[in-house]
Protein backbone atom coordinates (compact mmCIF):
# COMPACT_ATOMS: atom_id res chain seq x y z
CA MET A 1 79.27 58.51 112.41
CA GLU A 2 76.20 57.82 114.52
CA PRO A 3 73.03 59.90 114.09
CA ARG A 4 72.29 62.34 116.88
CA GLU A 5 69.20 61.96 118.98
CA PRO A 6 66.58 64.58 118.11
CA LEU A 7 65.74 66.94 120.94
CA GLU A 8 62.11 66.07 121.60
CA PRO A 9 60.04 66.36 124.77
CA PRO A 10 59.81 63.12 126.79
CA HIS A 11 56.16 62.54 125.98
CA CYS A 12 56.80 62.38 122.25
CA HIS A 13 57.58 59.10 120.53
CA TRP A 14 59.50 59.98 117.38
CA ARG A 15 61.99 57.18 117.82
CA ALA A 16 59.14 54.66 118.07
CA VAL A 17 57.46 56.13 114.99
CA LEU A 18 60.65 56.02 112.95
CA CYS A 19 61.77 52.59 114.09
CA CYS A 20 58.52 50.68 114.10
CA ASP A 21 59.48 48.73 110.96
CA VAL A 22 63.12 48.18 111.91
CA ALA A 23 64.15 44.59 112.52
CA ALA A 24 66.00 43.86 115.73
CA ASP A 25 68.91 42.05 114.09
CA LEU A 26 70.98 43.77 111.40
CA SER A 27 74.20 42.27 112.68
CA GLY A 28 77.02 41.99 110.19
CA LEU A 29 76.14 45.27 108.51
CA ASP A 30 78.34 48.35 108.62
CA LEU A 31 76.14 51.46 108.67
CA THR A 32 77.55 54.95 108.07
CA LEU A 33 76.03 58.40 107.84
CA LYS A 34 77.40 61.25 105.72
CA GLU A 35 76.28 64.63 104.48
CA THR A 36 75.47 64.35 100.80
CA ASP A 37 77.77 67.19 99.79
CA ALA A 38 80.66 65.29 101.44
CA LEU A 39 80.17 62.10 99.43
CA SER A 40 83.16 61.12 97.31
CA GLY A 41 82.91 60.39 93.61
CA LEU A 42 83.24 56.68 94.35
CA GLU A 43 80.44 56.82 96.93
CA ARG A 44 78.18 58.57 94.42
CA GLU A 45 78.91 55.85 91.88
CA THR A 46 78.08 53.27 94.55
CA LEU A 47 74.70 54.89 95.19
CA LEU A 48 73.99 54.96 91.47
CA ALA A 49 74.84 51.26 91.15
CA LEU A 50 72.45 50.43 94.00
CA PHE A 51 69.77 52.62 92.41
CA ARG A 52 70.15 50.76 89.12
CA ALA A 53 69.96 47.43 90.95
CA SER A 54 66.64 48.45 92.54
CA TYR A 55 64.97 50.34 89.67
CA ARG A 56 64.56 49.45 86.02
CA GLN A 57 65.56 52.39 83.78
CA ALA A 58 66.94 54.20 86.82
CA ASN A 59 67.46 57.88 85.97
CA PRO A 60 70.84 59.16 87.23
CA GLY A 61 69.54 62.74 87.07
CA PHE A 62 66.91 62.00 89.69
CA LEU A 63 69.52 60.63 92.06
CA GLU A 64 71.78 63.64 91.51
CA LYS A 65 68.95 66.06 92.19
CA SER A 66 68.06 64.14 95.35
CA LEU A 67 71.65 64.43 96.54
CA GLU A 68 71.55 68.17 95.90
CA THR A 69 68.22 68.57 97.72
CA LEU A 70 68.51 66.35 100.82
CA ARG A 71 71.27 66.75 103.38
CA TRP A 72 71.95 63.21 104.62
CA ALA A 73 72.88 59.85 103.14
CA ALA A 74 73.05 56.58 105.10
CA LEU A 75 75.02 53.73 103.56
CA ALA A 76 75.06 50.03 104.42
CA HIS A 77 77.87 47.59 103.67
CA GLN A 78 78.10 43.87 104.29
CA GLU A 79 81.63 42.50 104.39
CA GLY A 80 82.77 45.53 102.41
CA ARG A 81 80.06 45.18 99.75
CA PRO A 82 77.51 48.01 99.43
CA VAL A 83 74.02 46.67 100.04
CA GLY A 84 71.82 49.72 100.59
CA PHE A 85 71.44 53.45 101.03
CA GLY A 86 68.85 55.96 102.15
CA LEU A 87 68.51 59.71 101.66
CA GLY A 88 66.59 62.22 103.73
CA GLU A 89 66.57 65.18 106.05
CA THR A 90 64.59 66.74 108.88
CA ARG A 91 64.13 70.50 108.75
CA VAL A 92 62.33 73.26 110.59
CA MET A 93 60.05 74.79 107.98
CA ASP A 94 57.43 77.52 107.82
CA LEU A 95 54.28 75.87 106.48
CA PRO A 96 51.10 77.77 105.56
CA ARG A 97 49.45 78.90 108.85
CA LEU A 98 52.05 76.80 110.73
CA PRO A 99 55.37 78.55 111.35
CA ALA A 100 58.49 76.69 112.46
CA GLN A 101 57.27 73.10 112.00
CA VAL A 102 59.49 70.02 112.25
CA VAL A 103 59.27 68.31 108.87
CA SER A 104 60.93 65.00 107.95
CA LEU A 105 61.62 64.62 104.22
CA ALA A 106 62.24 60.98 103.36
CA GLY A 107 64.07 60.40 100.11
CA LEU A 108 65.18 57.61 97.83
CA CYS A 109 66.07 54.35 99.59
CA CYS A 110 67.45 51.26 97.85
CA VAL A 111 68.28 47.88 99.36
CA ARG A 112 69.63 44.80 97.60
CA ASP A 113 67.19 41.95 97.08
CA GLU A 114 68.70 39.58 99.62
CA LEU A 115 68.36 42.13 102.43
CA ARG A 116 64.83 43.33 101.76
CA ARG A 117 62.10 42.78 104.36
CA ARG A 118 64.68 42.61 107.14
CA GLY A 119 64.26 46.17 108.41
CA LEU A 120 67.26 47.72 106.66
CA PHE A 121 65.07 50.16 104.74
CA GLY A 122 63.58 51.46 107.97
CA ARG A 123 66.95 51.66 109.69
CA LEU A 124 68.51 53.70 106.88
CA GLU A 125 65.58 56.12 106.82
CA GLN A 126 65.68 56.42 110.61
CA MET A 127 69.36 57.36 110.42
CA VAL A 128 68.88 60.20 107.95
CA LEU A 129 65.71 61.55 109.55
CA THR A 130 67.29 61.75 113.01
CA ALA A 131 70.74 62.85 111.89
CA GLN A 132 70.51 66.36 113.26
CA GLU A 133 69.11 68.09 116.30
CA VAL A 134 65.71 69.71 115.97
CA PRO A 135 63.75 71.85 118.41
CA ALA A 136 61.26 70.30 120.78
CA ALA A 137 57.86 70.14 119.08
CA PRO A 138 54.45 68.65 119.87
CA ARG A 139 54.20 66.99 116.45
CA ARG A 140 56.11 66.28 113.28
CA LEU A 141 55.14 66.10 109.61
CA PHE A 142 56.48 63.03 107.79
CA CYS A 143 56.74 63.26 104.01
CA GLY A 144 57.77 61.10 101.09
CA ARG A 145 57.39 60.69 97.35
CA MET A 146 55.96 57.32 96.41
CA ALA A 147 56.60 55.34 93.24
CA HIS A 148 54.46 52.31 94.12
CA PRO A 149 51.45 51.52 96.35
CA ALA A 150 53.60 49.19 98.45
CA ALA A 151 55.83 52.12 99.38
CA LEU A 152 52.79 54.15 100.42
CA ARG A 153 51.95 51.55 103.08
CA THR A 154 54.85 52.79 105.20
CA ILE A 155 53.19 56.15 105.81
CA ALA A 156 49.58 55.08 105.24
CA ARG A 157 49.48 53.48 108.69
CA PHE A 158 49.15 56.97 110.16
CA PRO A 159 45.50 58.07 110.50
CA THR A 160 46.49 61.58 109.37
CA VAL A 161 47.96 60.49 106.03
CA LEU A 162 47.13 62.48 102.90
CA PRO A 163 46.10 61.99 100.18
CA LYS A 164 43.49 59.43 101.13
CA VAL A 165 40.98 57.61 98.93
CA GLY A 166 37.55 59.23 99.17
CA LYS A 167 38.78 62.29 101.08
CA ARG A 168 38.79 65.67 99.36
CA LEU A 169 41.76 67.83 100.26
CA THR A 170 41.05 71.19 101.90
CA SER A 171 42.63 74.40 100.65
CA TRP A 172 44.95 74.43 103.68
CA GLN A 173 46.08 70.86 103.03
CA ARG A 174 46.72 71.71 99.38
CA GLU A 175 48.81 74.71 100.41
CA VAL A 176 50.91 72.60 102.78
CA GLY A 177 51.33 69.95 100.10
CA ARG A 178 52.60 72.53 97.64
CA THR A 179 55.12 73.85 100.18
CA VAL A 180 56.44 70.35 100.86
CA ALA A 181 56.68 69.67 97.12
CA GLU A 182 58.72 72.85 96.72
CA ALA A 183 61.08 71.62 99.45
CA TYR A 184 61.67 68.52 97.33
CA ARG A 185 62.31 70.82 94.34
CA VAL A 186 59.89 68.94 92.13
CA HIS A 187 59.42 69.90 88.49
CA GLY A 188 55.70 70.55 89.00
CA PHE A 189 52.91 69.77 91.46
CA ASP A 190 49.17 69.14 91.24
CA PRO A 191 47.68 70.14 94.63
CA GLU A 192 44.38 68.41 93.82
CA THR A 193 45.95 64.96 93.52
CA PHE A 194 49.32 65.46 95.29
CA VAL A 195 51.07 64.24 92.15
CA CYS A 196 54.64 65.49 91.79
CA ILE A 197 54.85 66.09 88.05
CA GLY A 198 58.00 64.86 86.38
CA PRO A 199 60.20 66.60 83.82
CA GLY A 200 59.18 64.31 80.97
CA GLU A 201 61.28 61.19 81.49
CA PRO A 202 60.92 58.27 83.92
CA ILE A 203 62.54 58.29 87.35
CA GLY A 204 62.71 54.52 87.02
CA TYR A 205 60.46 51.61 87.84
CA PRO A 206 60.91 49.93 91.23
CA ASP A 207 61.92 46.31 90.83
CA ILE A 208 59.76 44.91 93.62
CA GLU A 209 57.22 42.15 93.95
CA PHE A 210 54.29 42.87 96.27
CA ASP A 211 50.69 41.80 96.25
CA VAL A 212 48.76 45.04 95.77
CA GLU A 213 45.00 45.31 96.07
CA PRO A 214 43.15 47.11 93.25
CA ASP A 215 41.98 49.89 95.59
CA GLU A 216 45.61 50.65 96.51
CA TRP A 217 46.23 51.75 92.93
CA GLU A 218 43.42 54.33 93.03
CA LEU A 219 45.58 57.18 94.33
CA PHE A 220 48.17 56.36 91.66
CA GLU A 221 45.79 56.63 88.71
CA PRO A 222 46.90 60.22 87.85
CA VAL A 223 50.59 59.33 88.29
CA ASP A 224 52.32 59.15 84.90
CA ARG A 225 55.50 57.17 85.49
CA GLU A 226 56.64 57.69 81.90
CA ARG A 227 56.66 61.44 82.61
CA GLY A 228 58.60 60.91 85.84
CA ASP A 229 55.68 61.48 88.22
CA ALA A 230 55.50 60.38 91.84
CA LEU A 231 52.84 60.65 94.53
CA LEU A 232 53.52 62.94 97.48
CA ALA A 233 52.31 61.58 100.83
CA ILE A 234 52.33 63.47 104.12
CA ALA A 235 51.24 62.52 107.64
CA TRP A 236 51.30 64.22 111.03
CA ALA A 237 52.40 62.30 114.12
CA PRO A 238 51.27 61.80 116.79
CA ASP A 239 48.31 63.95 115.71
CA ALA A 240 47.39 66.73 113.32
CA PRO A 241 47.34 70.43 114.26
CA PRO A 242 44.01 71.89 115.37
CA GLY A 243 41.68 72.57 112.46
CA TRP A 244 43.57 70.32 110.07
């Protein structure tokens, strides 16, 4: 199944935004898209195996809740062998002071070591975030829960990203953050720090190797990974609504 093109006005550039990190050559990979509630038991076990290959102490409960919360799953196979998956969904949501907004909720994405940094991560996320038709809109809110500063870089390239070091969140921004956190069905949420508070056990620890600058850890200081916390990040594209 191929993802549908979102219905956006010609002047918008959602495809460019979503695909900017996608490598040109992913030949040899078989990519499929399915609704999460249509995944077979074997496919769910496959996703769990990939999760465990990408995260130390991977928590199966977190994956199951993600599958219950987000509508789409994209799977990648290479010569019949599963090598990656991504979860996500784009919805029309009523946000505080902003009715009927197009909101993209990126979810868990795991790629085997040998295929990292080749654009597969971006391609899988692009598939799930453009899987369904959405109304024409002047802007879109991109969202994700981050387990590591390296993951935050994906969305931090947008000038409108929040939270941001040295920038105090306004009451409106905190309200929007809380609404997005509720869409992810998080256990708890701190609107002052945008920390999604965990249920008391780790989600897992991403098994990645990136050079991270000390200042990149600053936003993650209140994140308690042992408790299962993650950092919520949101960004408007191509610009923020007036007054934001």
